[in-house]
Protein backbone atom coordinates (compact mmCIF):
# COMPACT_ATOMS: atom_id res chain seq x y z
CA MET A 1 22.10 25.47 28.22
CA GLY A 2 24.24 22.60 27.20
CA GLU A 3 22.38 19.57 28.57
CA VAL A 4 21.46 16.63 27.06
CA ILE A 5 17.78 17.05 26.28
CA PRO A 6 14.85 14.77 24.56
CA ARG A 7 14.73 15.09 20.85
CA PHE A 8 10.83 16.48 20.44
CA ALA A 9 8.71 17.60 17.27
CA ALA A 10 6.36 20.17 16.77
CA SER A 11 2.75 19.62 15.17
CA SER A 12 1.11 22.10 13.34
CA SER A 13 -0.54 23.05 16.43
CA GLY A 14 2.95 23.97 17.75
CA ASP A 15 2.22 21.09 20.23
CA VAL A 16 5.90 19.50 21.53
CA LYS A 17 6.40 16.06 21.62
CA LEU A 18 8.78 14.63 23.36
CA ASN A 19 10.75 11.35 21.11
CA SER A 20 12.81 9.47 24.39
CA HIS A 21 14.61 7.38 21.44
CA HIS A 22 16.46 10.75 20.32
CA HIS A 23 19.00 12.69 22.95
CA ARG A 24 21.45 15.17 21.58
CA LYS A 25 23.33 18.31 23.77
CA THR A 26 21.68 21.08 22.40
CA SER A 27 19.45 23.77 23.69
CA LEU A 28 15.98 23.66 24.05
CA ARG A 29 15.51 27.27 24.41
CA VAL A 30 17.00 28.16 20.65
CA ARG A 31 15.05 24.93 19.21
CA LEU A 32 11.92 25.80 20.32
CA GLN A 33 12.08 29.25 19.30
CA GLY A 34 13.05 28.39 15.93
CA PHE A 35 10.88 25.95 15.46
CA TYR A 36 8.15 27.84 16.70
CA LYS A 37 9.06 30.92 14.07
CA CYS A 38 9.11 28.16 11.66
CA SER A 39 5.83 26.66 12.54
CA VAL A 40 3.80 29.80 12.98
CA GLY A 41 5.57 31.83 9.70
CA TRP A 42 4.65 28.28 8.02
CA ASN A 43 0.82 28.15 9.08
CA LYS A 44 -0.07 31.99 7.42
CA TYR A 45 0.17 30.05 4.13
CA THR A 46 1.51 33.18 2.07
CA LEU A 47 4.48 33.02 -0.26
CA ASP A 48 6.40 35.22 1.92
CA SER A 49 5.66 33.32 4.94
CA VAL A 50 7.53 30.08 2.87
CA ASN A 51 10.10 31.69 2.10
CA LYS A 52 10.80 33.12 5.75
CA SER A 53 10.42 29.19 6.73
CA LEU A 54 12.95 28.48 4.67
CA ASP A 55 15.92 31.05 6.38
CA PHE A 56 14.42 29.59 9.87
CA PHE A 57 14.71 25.83 8.82
CA ASN A 58 18.15 26.46 7.27
CA ARG A 59 19.45 28.05 10.32
CA ALA A 60 17.85 25.46 12.68
CA ILE A 61 20.47 22.91 10.62
CA GLN A 62 23.08 25.14 10.72
CA ILE A 63 22.64 25.20 14.83
CA ASP A 64 21.97 21.24 15.12
CA PRO A 65 22.63 18.88 11.54
CA SER A 66 20.92 15.98 13.37
CA TYR A 67 17.62 17.63 13.74
CA ALA A 68 15.20 15.69 10.98
CA PRO A 69 12.32 18.56 11.14
CA ALA A 70 14.02 20.99 9.77
CA TYR A 71 15.13 19.15 7.10
CA VAL A 72 11.15 17.78 6.62
CA GLY A 73 10.13 21.60 7.28
CA LEU A 74 12.40 22.34 3.68
CA ALA A 75 11.27 19.69 1.42
CA ASP A 76 7.34 20.80 2.22
CA ALA A 77 8.42 24.65 1.86
CA HIS A 78 10.17 23.60 -1.27
CA ILE A 79 7.54 21.34 -2.59
CA ASN A 80 4.44 24.38 -1.37
CA LEU A 81 6.84 26.92 -3.83
CA ILE A 82 6.71 24.73 -6.76
CA PHE A 83 3.18 23.56 -7.07
CA ALA A 84 1.10 26.10 -4.69
CA TYR A 85 3.29 29.34 -5.65
CA ASN A 86 4.77 28.44 -9.32
CA VAL A 87 8.08 29.29 -8.00
CA GLY A 88 11.83 28.23 -8.73
CA SER A 89 12.60 25.41 -11.13
CA PRO A 90 10.30 21.99 -10.58
CA ALA A 91 13.68 20.19 -11.27
CA SER A 92 15.65 21.99 -8.82
CA GLY A 93 12.88 22.10 -5.89
CA CYS A 94 11.55 18.27 -6.50
CA GLU A 95 15.99 17.29 -6.31
CA LYS A 96 15.45 19.00 -2.83
CA ALA A 97 12.05 17.72 -1.54
CA GLU A 98 13.20 14.11 -2.37
CA ARG A 99 16.90 14.94 -0.95
CA GLU A 100 15.75 16.43 2.02
CA PRO A 101 13.15 13.68 3.51
CA GLN A 102 15.83 11.13 2.95
CA LYS A 103 18.27 12.61 5.32
CA ALA A 104 15.90 13.45 8.28
CA LEU A 105 15.47 9.44 7.58
CA GLU A 106 18.60 9.33 7.78
CA ILE A 107 18.82 10.64 10.85
CA ASP A 108 15.34 9.13 12.11
CA ASP A 109 13.82 6.47 9.81
CA ALA A 110 10.94 6.24 12.50
CA PHE A 111 9.81 10.05 12.27
CA ALA A 112 6.70 10.12 10.74
CA GLU A 113 6.54 13.42 8.70
CA ALA A 114 9.45 12.48 6.93
CA HIS A 115 7.87 9.79 5.44
CA ALA A 116 4.88 12.10 4.94
CA ALA A 117 7.23 14.26 3.62
CA LEU A 118 8.98 11.62 0.99
CA ALA A 119 5.33 10.84 -0.18
CA ARG A 120 4.66 14.31 -0.95
CA PHE A 121 7.61 14.34 -3.03
CA LYS A 122 6.91 10.82 -5.06
CA LEU A 123 3.00 11.91 -5.72
CA GLN A 124 3.79 15.31 -6.41
CA CYS A 125 7.64 14.75 -8.14
CA ALA A 126 8.15 11.33 -9.20
CA TRP A 127 4.32 10.28 -9.69
CA ASP A 128 4.96 7.29 -8.20
CA TRP A 129 1.23 6.59 -7.02
CA ALA A 130 1.80 3.23 -5.14
CA GLY A 131 5.49 4.61 -3.29
CA ALA A 132 3.55 7.52 -2.44
CA GLU A 133 1.11 5.53 -0.71
CA ARG A 134 3.31 2.95 1.04
CA GLU A 135 5.00 6.17 2.91
CA PHE A 136 2.02 7.60 3.88
CA ARG A 137 0.90 4.54 5.69
CA GLN A 138 3.69 4.44 6.88
CA ALA A 139 3.89 7.55 8.09
CA ILE A 140 0.38 6.69 9.90
CA ASP A 141 1.18 3.75 11.15
CA LEU A 142 4.12 5.66 12.78
CA ALA A 143 2.32 8.83 14.01
CA PRO A 144 -1.82 7.81 13.86
CA GLY A 145 -2.22 10.77 15.61
CA SER A 146 -0.32 13.39 13.40
CA SER A 147 -3.19 16.08 11.98
CA LYS A 148 -0.35 17.06 9.22
CA VAL A 149 -0.11 13.29 8.20
CA HIS A 150 -3.66 12.84 7.55
CA HIS A 151 -4.02 15.95 6.19
CA GLN A 152 -1.76 15.55 3.50
CA TYR A 153 -2.56 11.98 2.99
CA ALA A 154 -5.88 13.18 1.97
CA HIS A 155 -4.43 15.37 -0.55
CA TYR A 156 -2.99 12.26 -2.25
CA LEU A 157 -6.34 10.42 -1.45
CA MET A 158 -7.97 13.21 -3.92
CA ALA A 159 -5.50 13.20 -6.25
CA MET A 160 -6.18 9.32 -6.54
CA GLY A 161 -10.05 10.03 -6.88
CA ARG A 162 -10.56 8.27 -3.83
CA ILE A 163 -13.05 10.99 -2.74
CA ALA A 164 -14.88 9.06 0.11
CA GLU A 165 -11.75 8.04 1.71
CA ALA A 166 -9.98 11.73 1.35
CA TRP A 167 -13.46 13.05 3.31
CA GLY A 168 -12.17 10.45 6.19
CA GLU A 169 -8.77 11.64 6.42
CA SER A 170 -9.34 15.09 6.21
CA THR A 171 -12.11 14.61 8.80
CA ARG A 172 -9.54 12.73 11.11
CA ALA A 173 -7.04 15.58 10.80
CA LEU A 174 -9.77 18.30 12.09
CA GLU A 175 -10.58 16.26 15.15
CA LEU A 176 -7.21 15.39 15.74
CA ASP A 177 -6.03 18.95 15.43
CA LYS A 178 -8.84 21.73 15.31
CA THR A 179 -6.93 24.83 15.16
CA ASN A 180 -5.17 23.45 11.87
CA MET A 181 -7.22 25.64 9.26
CA ALA A 182 -5.71 23.99 6.37
CA SER A 183 -7.66 20.78 7.23
CA GLU A 184 -11.11 22.27 7.12
């Protein structure tokens, strides 16, 4: 299957979107299967599913080290392990949560979810509120139709005490992806 194929990104609902500005010699079937397993496991929101997603994202990187969505998945998983499940060292997890989206941005500086992952690091690990907002706004500018980005920005707004804005972002996330239970 080694044909040149367009790079894709998957939304939280599993929809595949093509990014025509990237091409790489890779098996689309392998990527789709790996990313589907990651997103299905990830969206269960259990400790076991987050740990399994780490394995899948690492495997995706082994298959294709230039696959930016896998780095974003790792960053999100490390943030969730620390802050949602109280698992692992915050120092180690935060270091990875900073490094991984930066790697994704080196691959594709217009990848919205990489900006959102870096924003989560700035919010939850570095306490860089202004930097987090800049990254979230950049992510929304790049992908205004991303339910995941709007959902994560809503969390930032809640943390900043901007409840009405957070409600608006949560509502927008749900409008964009009614199947994403995390947006409710």
